[in-house]
């Protein structure tokens, strides 16, 4: 039963995130452009490695999941 609740909450979160990205794309324009994110752009090549953005997102998701768990 707990797995069902977790999947339901995850689904609702993904729907809400999808709506935000669809209607308010500038809310997440910062992702990939923080100091510490690696961007290599050359002719015919683009490489994005969002290290800082990924760490920040991981921290936020960890905090949210810990709040829901308690």
PDB file of N, CA and C in Angstrom:
ATOM      1  N   UNK A   1       0.813  -1.193   0.000  1.00  0.00           N
ATOM      2  CA  UNK A   1       0.000   0.000   0.000  1.00  0.00           C
ATOM      3  C   UNK A   1       0.862   1.266   0.000  1.00  0.00           C
ATOM      4  N   UNK A   2       2.005   1.246   0.677  1.00  0.00           N
ATOM      5  CA  UNK A   2       2.887   2.413   0.709  1.00  0.00           C
ATOM      6  C   UNK A   2       3.473   2.706  -0.670  1.00  0.00           C
ATOM      7  N   UNK A   3       3.781   1.662  -1.424  1.00  0.00           N
ATOM      8  CA  UNK A   3       4.315   1.873  -2.772  1.00  0.00           C
ATOM      9  C   UNK A   3       3.270   2.553  -3.653  1.00  0.00           C
ATOM     10  N   UNK A   4       2.029   2.187  -3.488  1.00  0.00           N
ATOM     11  CA  UNK A   4       0.952   2.810  -4.249  1.00  0.00           C
ATOM     12  C   UNK A   4       0.838   4.297  -3.959  1.00  0.00           C
ATOM     13  N   UNK A   5       0.935   4.658  -2.685  1.00  0.00           N
ATOM     14  CA  UNK A   5       0.883   6.079  -2.314  1.00  0.00           C
ATOM     15  C   UNK A   5       2.071   6.834  -2.894  1.00  0.00           C
ATOM     16  N   UNK A   6       3.250   6.229  -2.813  1.00  0.00           N
ATOM     17  CA  UNK A   6       4.446   6.882  -3.333  1.00  0.00           C
ATOM     18  C   UNK A   6       4.323   7.104  -4.844  1.00  0.00           C
ATOM     19  N   UNK A   7       3.826   6.121  -5.560  1.00  0.00           N
ATOM     20  CA  UNK A   7       3.664   6.263  -7.002  1.00  0.00           C
ATOM     21  C   UNK A   7       2.604   7.310  -7.344  1.00  0.00           C
ATOM     22  N   UNK A   8       1.555   7.371  -6.544  1.00  0.00           N
ATOM     23  CA  UNK A   8       0.524   8.378  -6.763  1.00  0.00           C
ATOM     24  C   UNK A   8       1.083   9.780  -6.557  1.00  0.00           C
ATOM     25  N   UNK A   9       1.838   9.987  -5.472  1.00  0.00           N
ATOM     26  CA  UNK A   9       2.441  11.293  -5.222  1.00  0.00           C
ATOM     27  C   UNK A   9       3.456  11.652  -6.300  1.00  0.00           C
ATOM     28  N   UNK A  10       4.233  10.679  -6.736  1.00  0.00           N
ATOM     29  CA  UNK A  10       5.204  10.925  -7.798  1.00  0.00           C
ATOM     30  C   UNK A  10       4.493  11.321  -9.090  1.00  0.00           C
ATOM     31  N   UNK A  11       3.413  10.650  -9.402  1.00  0.00           N
ATOM     32  CA  UNK A  11       2.641  10.977 -10.599  1.00  0.00           C
ATOM     33  C   UNK A  11       2.054  12.377 -10.533  1.00  0.00           C
ATOM     34  N   UNK A  12       1.510  12.748  -9.386  1.00  0.00           N
ATOM     35  CA  UNK A  12       0.955  14.093  -9.222  1.00  0.00           C
ATOM     36  C   UNK A  12       2.044  15.156  -9.319  1.00  0.00           C
ATOM     37  N   UNK A  13       3.198  14.858  -8.739  1.00  0.00           N
ATOM     38  CA  UNK A  13       4.328  15.786  -8.836  1.00  0.00           C
ATOM     39  C   UNK A  13       4.764  15.959 -10.282  1.00  0.00           C
ATOM     40  N   UNK A  14       4.842  14.869 -11.035  1.00  0.00           N
ATOM     41  CA  UNK A  14       5.269  14.963 -12.435  1.00  0.00           C
ATOM     42  C   UNK A  14       4.250  15.715 -13.287  1.00  0.00           C
ATOM     43  N   UNK A  15       2.965  15.531 -13.005  1.00  0.00           N
ATOM     44  CA  UNK A  15       1.932  16.280 -13.732  1.00  0.00           C
ATOM     45  C   UNK A  15       2.063  17.772 -13.437  1.00  0.00           C
ATOM     46  N   UNK A  16       2.240  18.118 -12.157  1.00  0.00           N
ATOM     47  CA  UNK A  16       2.398  19.528 -11.788  1.00  0.00           C
ATOM     48  C   UNK A  16       3.653  20.124 -12.429  1.00  0.00           C
ATOM     49  N   UNK A  17       4.746  19.379 -12.420  1.00  0.00           N
ATOM     50  CA  UNK A  17       5.976  19.847 -13.046  1.00  0.00           C
ATOM     51  C   UNK A  17       5.798  20.018 -14.552  1.00  0.00           C
ATOM     52  N   UNK A  18       5.097  19.102 -15.180  1.00  0.00           N
ATOM     53  CA  UNK A  18       4.829  19.198 -16.615  1.00  0.00           C
ATOM     54  C   UNK A  18       4.001  20.419 -16.962  1.00  0.00           C
ATOM     55  N   UNK A  19       3.005  20.719 -16.139  1.00  0.00           N
ATOM     56  CA  UNK A  19       2.179  21.913 -16.365  1.00  0.00           C
ATOM     57  C   UNK A  19       3.017  23.177 -16.202  1.00  0.00           C
ATOM     58  N   UNK A  20       3.866  23.203 -15.165  1.00  0.00           N
ATOM     59  CA  UNK A  20       4.744  24.356 -14.979  1.00  0.00           C
ATOM     60  C   UNK A  20       5.676  24.553 -16.169  1.00  0.00           C
ATOM     61  N   UNK A  21       6.276  23.480 -16.655  1.00  0.00           N
ATOM     62  CA  UNK A  21       7.197  23.584 -17.790  1.00  0.00           C
ATOM     63  C   UNK A  21       6.475  23.982 -19.074  1.00  0.00           C
ATOM     64  N   UNK A  22       5.235  23.559 -19.211  1.00  0.00           N
ATOM     65  CA  UNK A  22       4.476  23.871 -20.415  1.00  0.00           C
ATOM     66  C   UNK A  22       4.044  25.330 -20.457  1.00  0.00           C
ATOM     67  N   UNK A  23       3.534  25.833 -19.333  1.00  0.00           N
ATOM     68  CA  UNK A  23       2.973  27.169 -19.319  1.00  0.00           C
ATOM     69  C   UNK A  23       3.925  28.253 -18.807  1.00  0.00           C
ATOM     70  N   UNK A  24       4.940  27.875 -18.050  1.00  0.00           N
ATOM     71  CA  UNK A  24       5.899  28.841 -17.507  1.00  0.00           C
ATOM     72  C   UNK A  24       7.329  28.354 -17.724  1.00  0.00           C
ATOM     73  N   UNK A  25       7.781  28.290 -18.984  1.00  0.00           N
ATOM     74  CA  UNK A  25       9.121  27.729 -19.254  1.00  0.00           C
ATOM     75  C   UNK A  25      10.264  28.581 -18.705  1.00  0.00           C
ATOM     76  N   UNK A  26      10.039  29.862 -18.479  1.00  0.00           N
ATOM     77  CA  UNK A  26      11.126  30.721 -17.990  1.00  0.00           C
ATOM     78  C   UNK A  26      11.415  30.497 -16.512  1.00  0.00           C
ATOM     79  N   UNK A  27      10.551  29.773 -15.797  1.00  0.00           N
ATOM     80  CA  UNK A  27      10.819  29.474 -14.389  1.00  0.00           C
ATOM     81  C   UNK A  27      12.061  28.608 -14.228  1.00  0.00           C
ATOM     82  N   UNK A  28      12.345  27.779 -15.220  1.00  0.00           N
ATOM     83  CA  UNK A  28      13.471  26.858 -15.138  1.00  0.00           C
ATOM     84  C   UNK A  28      14.573  27.210 -16.131  1.00  0.00           C
ATOM     85  N   UNK A  29      14.622  28.465 -16.569  1.00  0.00           N
ATOM     86  CA  UNK A  29      15.652  28.886 -17.525  1.00  0.00           C
ATOM     87  C   UNK A  29      17.036  28.901 -16.875  1.00  0.00           C
ATOM     88  N   UNK A  30      17.093  28.950 -15.553  1.00  0.00           N
ATOM     89  CA  UNK A  30      18.370  28.980 -14.828  1.00  0.00           C
ATOM     90  C   UNK A  30      19.082  27.631 -14.886  1.00  0.00           C
ATOM     91  N   UNK A  31      18.338  26.563 -15.097  1.00  0.00           N
ATOM     92  CA  UNK A  31      18.934  25.234 -15.065  1.00  0.00           C
ATOM     93  C   UNK A  31      19.962  25.085 -16.183  1.00  0.00           C
ATOM     94  N   UNK A  32      21.189  24.781 -15.805  1.00  0.00           N
ATOM     95  CA  UNK A  32      22.266  24.635 -16.778  1.00  0.00           C
ATOM     96  C   UNK A  32      23.074  25.898 -16.990  1.00  0.00           C
ATOM     97  N   UNK A  33      22.705  26.985 -16.302  1.00  0.00           N
ATOM     98  CA  UNK A  33      23.410  28.252 -16.475  1.00  0.00           C
ATOM     99  C   UNK A  33      23.970  28.786 -15.160  1.00  0.00           C
ATOM    100  N   UNK A  34      24.100  27.952 -14.156  1.00  0.00           N
ATOM    101  CA  UNK A  34      24.661  28.371 -12.877  1.00  0.00           C
ATOM    102  C   UNK A  34      26.185  28.296 -12.920  1.00  0.00           C
ATOM    103  N   UNK A  35      26.858  29.058 -12.039  1.00  0.00           N
ATOM    104  CA  UNK A  35      28.313  28.917 -11.953  1.00  0.00           C
ATOM    105  C   UNK A  35      28.676  27.481 -11.546  1.00  0.00           C
ATOM    106  N   UNK A  36      29.585  26.886 -12.231  1.00  0.00           N
ATOM    107  CA  UNK A  36      29.955  25.503 -11.968  1.00  0.00           C
ATOM    108  C   UNK A  36      29.396  24.539 -13.002  1.00  0.00           C
ATOM    109  N   UNK A  37      28.449  25.000 -13.798  1.00  0.00           N
ATOM    110  CA  UNK A  37      27.934  24.185 -14.899  1.00  0.00           C
ATOM    111  C   UNK A  37      28.892  24.313 -16.080  1.00  0.00           C
ATOM    112  N   UNK A  38      29.202  23.210 -16.704  1.00  0.00           N
ATOM    113  CA  UNK A  38      30.176  23.199 -17.794  1.00  0.00           C
ATOM    114  C   UNK A  38      29.438  23.251 -19.127  1.00  0.00           C
ATOM    115  N   UNK A  39      29.799  24.227 -19.942  1.00  0.00           N
ATOM    116  CA  UNK A  39      29.212  24.369 -21.272  1.00  0.00           C
ATOM    117  C   UNK A  39      30.348  24.479 -22.280  1.00  0.00           C
ATOM    118  N   UNK A  40      30.383  23.569 -23.215  1.00  0.00           N
ATOM    119  CA  UNK A  40      31.385  23.594 -24.276  1.00  0.00           C
ATOM    120  C   UNK A  40      30.634  23.749 -25.591  1.00  0.00           C
ATOM    121  N   UNK A  41      30.896  24.858 -26.258  1.00  0.00           N
ATOM    122  CA  UNK A  41      30.233  25.115 -27.535  1.00  0.00           C
ATOM    123  C   UNK A  41      31.294  25.389 -28.590  1.00  0.00           C
ATOM    124  N   UNK A  42      31.323  24.547 -29.569  1.00  0.00           N
ATOM    125  CA  UNK A  42      32.222  24.715 -30.712  1.00  0.00           C
ATOM    126  C   UNK A  42      31.407  24.486 -31.970  1.00  0.00           C
ATOM    127  N   UNK A  43      32.032  24.713 -33.080  1.00  0.00           N
ATOM    128  CA  UNK A  43      31.332  24.511 -34.341  1.00  0.00           C
ATOM    129  C   UNK A  43      30.966  23.038 -34.506  1.00  0.00           C
ATOM    130  N   UNK A  44      29.683  22.773 -34.577  1.00  0.00           N
ATOM    131  CA  UNK A  44      29.206  21.405 -34.751  1.00  0.00           C
ATOM    132  C   UNK A  44      29.173  20.583 -33.475  1.00  0.00           C
ATOM    133  N   UNK A  45      29.420  21.217 -32.317  1.00  0.00           N
ATOM    134  CA  UNK A  45      29.450  20.461 -31.061  1.00  0.00           C
ATOM    135  C   UNK A  45      28.935  21.318 -29.918  1.00  0.00           C
ATOM    136  N   UNK A  46      28.019  20.786 -29.152  1.00  0.00           N
ATOM    137  CA  UNK A  46      27.532  21.418 -27.931  1.00  0.00           C
ATOM    138  C   UNK A  46      27.472  20.361 -26.838  1.00  0.00           C
ATOM    139  N   UNK A  47      28.128  20.653 -25.734  1.00  0.00           N
ATOM    140  CA  UNK A  47      28.133  19.741 -24.597  1.00  0.00           C
ATOM    141  C   UNK A  47      27.739  20.537 -23.353  1.00  0.00           C
ATOM    142  N   UNK A  48      26.706  20.078 -22.657  1.00  0.00           N
ATOM    143  CA  UNK A  48      26.272  20.694 -21.411  1.00  0.00           C
ATOM    144  C   UNK A  48      26.427  19.679 -20.294  1.00  0.00           C
ATOM    145  N   UNK A  49      27.123  20.065 -19.245  1.00  0.00           N
ATOM    146  CA  UNK A  49      27.269  19.216 -18.066  1.00  0.00           C
ATOM    147  C   UNK A  49      26.849  20.068 -16.864  1.00  0.00           C
ATOM    148  N   UNK A  50      25.577  19.988 -16.468  1.00  0.00           N
ATOM    149  CA  UNK A  50      25.063  20.859 -15.403  1.00  0.00           C
ATOM    150  C   UNK A  50      25.391  20.332 -14.005  1.00  0.00           C
ATOM    151  N   UNK A  51      26.646  20.425 -13.591  1.00  0.00           N
ATOM    152  CA  UNK A  51      27.064  19.894 -12.294  1.00  0.00           C
ATOM    153  C   UNK A  51      26.378  20.607 -11.130  1.00  0.00           C
ATOM    154  N   UNK A  52      26.485  21.923 -11.083  1.00  0.00           N
ATOM    155  CA  UNK A  52      25.901  22.684  -9.983  1.00  0.00           C
ATOM    156  C   UNK A  52      24.380  22.577  -9.987  1.00  0.00           C
ATOM    157  N   UNK A  53      23.788  22.656 -11.152  1.00  0.00           N
ATOM    158  CA  UNK A  53      22.332  22.547 -11.243  1.00  0.00           C
ATOM    159  C   UNK A  53      21.851  21.185 -10.763  1.00  0.00           C
ATOM    160  N   UNK A  54      22.565  20.136 -11.129  1.00  0.00           N
ATOM    161  CA  UNK A  54      22.182  18.791 -10.707  1.00  0.00           C
ATOM    162  C   UNK A  54      22.334  18.617  -9.197  1.00  0.00           C
ATOM    163  N   UNK A  55      23.397  19.185  -8.626  1.00  0.00           N
ATOM    164  CA  UNK A  55      23.577  19.105  -7.177  1.00  0.00           C
ATOM    165  C   UNK A  55      22.469  19.854  -6.444  1.00  0.00           C
ATOM    166  N   UNK A  56      22.116  21.026  -6.932  1.00  0.00           N
ATOM    167  CA  UNK A  56      21.050  21.803  -6.312  1.00  0.00           C
ATOM    168  C   UNK A  56      19.709  21.078  -6.423  1.00  0.00           C
ATOM    169  N   UNK A  57      19.423  20.522  -7.578  1.00  0.00           N
ATOM    170  CA  UNK A  57      18.185  19.775  -7.779  1.00  0.00           C
ATOM    171  C   UNK A  57      18.144  18.539  -6.888  1.00  0.00           C
ATOM    172  N   UNK A  58      19.253  17.853  -6.748  1.00  0.00           N
ATOM    173  CA  UNK A  58      19.327  16.686  -5.871  1.00  0.00           C
ATOM    174  C   UNK A  58      19.068  17.068  -4.425  1.00  0.00           C
ATOM    175  N   UNK A  59      19.635  18.174  -3.983  1.00  0.00           N
ATOM    176  CA  UNK A  59      19.423  18.649  -2.615  1.00  0.00           C
ATOM    177  C   UNK A  59      17.958  18.988  -2.376  1.00  0.00           C
ATOM    178  N   UNK A  60      17.344  19.697  -3.315  1.00  0.00           N
ATOM    179  CA  UNK A  60      15.933  20.061  -3.167  1.00  0.00           C
ATOM    180  C   UNK A  60      15.029  18.838  -3.145  1.00  0.00           C
ATOM    181  N   UNK A  61      15.275  17.891  -4.034  1.00  0.00           N
ATOM    182  CA  UNK A  61      14.459  16.681  -4.059  1.00  0.00           C
ATOM    183  C   UNK A  61      14.643  15.841  -2.806  1.00  0.00           C
ATOM    184  N   UNK A  62      15.854  15.782  -2.282  1.00  0.00           N
ATOM    185  CA  UNK A  62      16.102  15.054  -1.033  1.00  0.00           C
ATOM    186  C   UNK A  62      15.336  15.678   0.115  1.00  0.00           C
ATOM    187  N   UNK A  63      15.359  16.993   0.194  1.00  0.00           N
ATOM    188  CA  UNK A  63      14.608  17.678   1.249  1.00  0.00           C
ATOM    189  C   UNK A  63      13.104  17.446   1.112  1.00  0.00           C
ATOM    190  N   UNK A  64      12.586  17.533  -0.110  1.00  0.00           N
ATOM    191  CA  UNK A  64      11.155  17.303  -0.326  1.00  0.00           C
ATOM    192  C   UNK A  64      10.749  15.875   0.020  1.00  0.00           C
ATOM    193  N   UNK A  65      11.539  14.921  -0.402  1.00  0.00           N
ATOM    194  CA  UNK A  65      11.202  13.525  -0.115  1.00  0.00           C
ATOM    195  C   UNK A  65      11.268  13.233   1.385  1.00  0.00           C
ATOM    196  N   UNK A  66      12.223  13.820   2.076  1.00  0.00           N
ATOM    197  CA  UNK A  66      12.297  13.634   3.521  1.00  0.00           C
ATOM    198  C   UNK A  66      11.100  14.271   4.231  1.00  0.00           C
ATOM    199  N   UNK A  67      10.615  15.395   3.729  1.00  0.00           N
ATOM    200  CA  UNK A  67       9.421  16.013   4.314  1.00  0.00           C
ATOM    201  C   UNK A  67       8.191  15.141   4.117  1.00  0.00           C
ATOM    202  N   UNK A  68       8.029  14.556   2.921  1.00  0.00           N
ATOM    203  CA  UNK A  68       6.875  13.705   2.646  1.00  0.00           C
ATOM    204  C   UNK A  68       6.954  12.388   3.404  1.00  0.00           C
ATOM    205  N   UNK A  69       8.156  11.900   3.643  1.00  0.00           N
ATOM    206  CA  UNK A  69       8.324  10.632   4.338  1.00  0.00           C
ATOM    207  C   UNK A  69       7.889  10.715   5.794  1.00  0.00           C
ATOM    208  N   UNK A  70       8.058  11.888   6.416  1.00  0.00           N
ATOM    209  CA  UNK A  70       7.725  12.062   7.831  1.00  0.00           C
ATOM    210  C   UNK A  70       6.331  12.468   8.004  1.00  0.00           C
TER     211      UNK A  70
END
